[in-house]
Amino acid sequence: MNKLAIIHVAKKQLGLDDAAYRAILSGAGVASSKDIKTTAQFNTVMSAFQKLGFKSTWIGKPINTVKGAPGMISKRQEYYIKGLWQLASRFKDEASLRKIVKRVGKVDDISFLPKRSASAVILALRDICWKAGFNPDTKEGIYVSNSKGSGCITSNETASNILSPVDGRNRIDQTRQIMAARAGSGE
């Protein structure tokens, strides 16, 4: 979520009319939220919203949402997190990604993650990958166990062919089908 979006969320949550909203913006020296260019202007507007009762997870924390800013998530970390999420999650939507970022990183959106929190999210997602039966480094299925024993999947089979992203109950049956197809083809 960018600064402009936060300002509009605050305006909506507080139920401000246009005159009150413009008065807050003029206190920061701007006529429109699009004119906010500096962090000081943004913090002035957000402080006014806070005094009116707006509550957000950014308050009390330094905000710098410029991509590549020192101390904030890098493009590479963001790409890696989204890739791990696509590999390991059952629900591959933005809302479920935000839930894990909120739970592990304690922020509402991935763009607000500090580098240290981004590393924690990456480690959590790597654990999820391993538990789901994926090697997060190669994106291949690695191991599926059941009550009767265990099955080892070779590196030739990709994870999408082995494990169901929607329903974990079908994993053992899918593995057996793949093994039977291999035995029939002479692999």
Protein backbone atom coordinates (compact mmCIF):
# COMPACT_ATOMS: atom_id res chain seq x y z
CA MET A 1 0.00 0.00 0.00
CA ASN A 2 1.46 3.36 -0.90
CA LYS A 3 1.25 6.64 0.97
CA LEU A 4 -1.59 8.00 -1.15
CA ALA A 5 -3.67 4.90 -0.47
CA ILE A 6 -3.06 5.18 3.29
CA ILE A 7 -4.25 8.79 3.25
CA HIS A 8 -7.44 7.84 1.42
CA VAL A 9 -8.09 4.93 3.79
CA ALA A 10 -7.70 7.29 6.75
CA LYS A 11 -10.06 9.82 5.19
CA LYS A 12 -12.67 7.15 4.61
CA GLN A 13 -12.34 5.58 8.07
CA LEU A 14 -12.65 8.96 9.77
CA GLY A 15 -15.61 9.94 7.57
CA LEU A 16 -14.14 13.34 6.75
CA ASP A 17 -15.97 15.69 4.43
CA ASP A 18 -14.03 17.46 1.68
CA ALA A 19 -13.56 20.69 3.64
CA ALA A 20 -12.06 18.97 6.70
CA TYR A 21 -9.85 16.82 4.49
CA ARG A 22 -8.54 19.87 2.58
CA ALA A 23 -7.88 21.66 5.89
CA ILE A 24 -5.67 18.77 7.04
CA LEU A 25 -3.81 18.78 3.74
CA SER A 26 -3.28 22.55 3.92
CA GLY A 27 -1.68 22.03 7.34
CA ALA A 28 1.02 20.04 5.53
CA GLY A 29 1.38 22.76 2.90
CA VAL A 30 -0.31 20.91 0.04
CA ALA A 31 -3.61 21.30 -1.76
CA SER A 32 -4.00 17.67 -2.80
CA SER A 33 -2.72 14.34 -1.51
CA LYS A 34 -1.01 13.89 -4.88
CA ASP A 35 1.16 16.92 -4.03
CA ILE A 36 2.72 15.20 -1.01
CA LYS A 37 6.36 14.67 -1.95
CA THR A 38 8.27 14.47 1.32
CA THR A 39 8.10 12.18 4.32
CA ALA A 40 7.65 15.23 6.57
CA GLN A 41 4.48 16.26 4.69
CA PHE A 42 3.14 12.72 4.87
CA ASN A 43 3.88 12.45 8.60
CA THR A 44 2.16 15.81 9.24
CA VAL A 45 -1.01 14.61 7.51
CA MET A 46 -0.91 11.24 9.27
CA SER A 47 -0.36 12.89 12.67
CA ALA A 48 -3.50 14.96 12.11
CA PHE A 49 -5.43 11.81 11.20
CA GLN A 50 -4.06 10.07 14.29
CA LYS A 51 -5.26 12.92 16.52
CA LEU A 52 -8.73 12.44 15.02
CA GLY A 53 -8.68 8.73 15.93
CA PHE A 54 -7.20 6.98 12.91
CA LYS A 55 -5.24 3.85 13.87
CA SER A 56 -2.79 2.16 11.55
CA THR A 57 0.12 -0.25 11.90
CA TRP A 58 2.56 2.35 10.53
CA ILE A 59 2.13 4.77 13.44
CA GLY A 60 5.21 4.84 15.63
CA LYS A 61 7.35 3.20 12.95
CA PRO A 62 9.49 4.94 10.39
CA ILE A 63 7.87 4.90 6.98
CA ASN A 64 9.88 4.79 3.81
CA THR A 65 8.09 2.92 1.07
CA VAL A 66 10.48 3.86 -1.69
CA LYS A 67 11.54 0.64 -3.39
CA GLY A 68 15.16 -0.15 -2.68
CA ALA A 69 15.35 2.25 0.29
CA PRO A 70 17.93 1.29 2.91
CA GLY A 71 16.44 -1.00 5.49
CA MET A 72 13.34 -1.88 3.46
CA ILE A 73 12.54 -5.00 1.46
CA SER A 74 14.45 -5.31 -1.78
CA LYS A 75 12.88 -6.18 -5.13
CA ARG A 76 14.76 -9.48 -5.03
CA GLN A 77 13.36 -10.40 -1.60
CA GLU A 78 9.84 -9.45 -2.69
CA TYR A 79 10.15 -11.57 -5.83
CA TYR A 80 11.51 -14.51 -3.80
CA ILE A 81 8.70 -14.26 -1.23
CA LYS A 82 6.05 -14.23 -3.96
CA GLY A 83 7.71 -17.19 -5.70
CA LEU A 84 7.84 -19.24 -2.50
CA TRP A 85 4.23 -18.33 -1.82
CA GLN A 86 3.16 -19.54 -5.27
CA LEU A 87 5.05 -22.78 -4.69
CA ALA A 88 3.84 -23.63 -1.21
CA SER A 89 0.43 -22.09 -0.68
CA ARG A 90 -2.88 -23.77 -1.18
CA PHE A 91 -4.59 -20.47 -1.94
CA LYS A 92 -2.52 -18.47 -4.39
CA ASP A 93 -4.24 -15.13 -3.96
CA GLU A 94 -2.97 -11.79 -2.70
CA ALA A 95 -5.15 -11.87 0.42
CA SER A 96 -3.60 -15.08 1.73
CA LEU A 97 -0.10 -13.74 1.06
CA ARG A 98 -0.97 -10.61 3.04
CA LYS A 99 -2.13 -12.79 5.94
CA ILE A 100 1.23 -14.50 6.29
CA VAL A 101 3.08 -11.19 5.85
CA LYS A 102 0.90 -9.75 8.62
CA ARG A 103 1.38 -12.79 10.87
CA VAL A 104 5.15 -13.12 10.46
CA GLY A 105 6.28 -9.62 9.44
CA LYS A 106 3.75 -7.66 11.55
CA VAL A 107 2.92 -5.27 8.69
CA ASP A 108 -0.14 -4.95 6.46
CA ASP A 109 1.56 -5.10 3.10
CA ILE A 110 4.72 -6.65 1.69
CA SER A 111 6.02 -3.23 0.61
CA PHE A 112 6.24 -2.16 4.27
CA LEU A 113 8.51 -5.05 5.28
CA PRO A 114 11.89 -4.12 6.68
CA LYS A 115 14.75 -6.33 5.46
CA ARG A 116 14.94 -8.22 8.77
CA SER A 117 11.21 -9.01 8.70
CA ALA A 118 11.44 -9.97 5.02
CA SER A 119 14.10 -12.51 5.97
CA ALA A 120 11.79 -13.90 8.66
CA VAL A 121 8.95 -14.23 6.12
CA ILE A 122 11.31 -15.99 3.69
CA LEU A 123 12.39 -18.48 6.37
CA ALA A 124 8.76 -19.15 7.31
CA LEU A 125 7.81 -19.72 3.67
CA ARG A 126 10.78 -22.04 3.17
CA ASP A 127 9.56 -24.10 6.14
CA ILE A 128 6.08 -24.20 4.61
CA CYS A 129 7.60 -25.41 1.33
CA TRP A 130 9.48 -28.22 3.05
CA LYS A 131 6.39 -29.26 5.02
CA ALA A 132 4.33 -29.26 1.83
CA GLY A 133 6.84 -31.59 0.19
CA PHE A 134 8.73 -29.12 -1.97
CA ASN A 135 12.39 -28.30 -2.10
CA PRO A 136 12.27 -24.47 -2.16
CA ASP A 137 15.62 -24.33 -3.95
CA THR A 138 14.66 -26.53 -6.88
CA LYS A 139 10.83 -26.34 -6.82
CA GLU A 140 10.64 -30.11 -7.02
CA GLY A 141 8.58 -32.52 -4.96
CA ILE A 142 10.81 -34.36 -2.54
CA TYR A 143 8.99 -36.56 -0.11
CA VAL A 144 5.51 -37.76 0.65
CA SER A 145 4.74 -39.90 3.67
CA ASN A 146 1.72 -41.86 4.75
CA SER A 147 0.73 -44.27 7.51
CA LYS A 148 1.83 -47.34 5.48
CA GLY A 149 5.32 -46.10 4.74
CA SER A 150 6.88 -43.41 2.68
CA GLY A 151 7.43 -42.59 -0.93
CA CYS A 152 10.40 -40.75 -2.31
CA ILE A 153 9.95 -38.68 -5.42
CA THR A 154 12.82 -38.35 -7.83
CA SER A 155 14.06 -35.02 -9.07
CA ASN A 156 12.57 -35.58 -12.54
CA GLU A 157 9.04 -34.99 -11.30
CA THR A 158 8.11 -31.40 -10.66
CA ALA A 159 6.13 -30.46 -7.60
CA SER A 160 3.07 -29.42 -9.56
CA ASN A 161 2.81 -32.96 -10.95
CA ILE A 162 3.05 -34.56 -7.53
CA LEU A 163 1.30 -32.47 -4.93
CA SER A 164 -2.10 -30.93 -5.15
CA PRO A 165 -2.03 -27.24 -4.22
CA VAL A 166 -5.71 -27.32 -3.37
CA ASP A 167 -6.23 -30.49 -1.35
CA GLY A 168 -3.47 -32.26 0.57
CA ARG A 169 -5.57 -35.44 0.92
CA ASN A 170 -4.87 -36.42 -2.69
CA ARG A 171 -1.08 -36.35 -2.37
CA ILE A 172 -0.55 -40.05 -1.70
CA ASP A 173 -2.88 -41.12 -4.53
CA GLN A 174 -1.13 -38.77 -6.95
CA THR A 175 2.25 -40.17 -5.95
CA ARG A 176 1.06 -43.75 -6.50
CA GLN A 177 -0.30 -42.82 -9.95
CA ILE A 178 3.02 -41.26 -10.94
CA MET A 179 4.98 -44.28 -9.69
CA ALA A 180 2.64 -46.65 -11.57
CA ALA A 181 3.01 -44.60 -14.76
CA ARG A 182 6.78 -44.73 -14.42
CA ALA A 183 6.79 -48.46 -13.91
CA GLY A 184 4.63 -48.89 -16.99
CA SER A 185 6.84 -46.70 -19.17
CA GLY A 186 10.08 -48.42 -18.16
CA GLU A 187 11.70 -45.50 -16.33
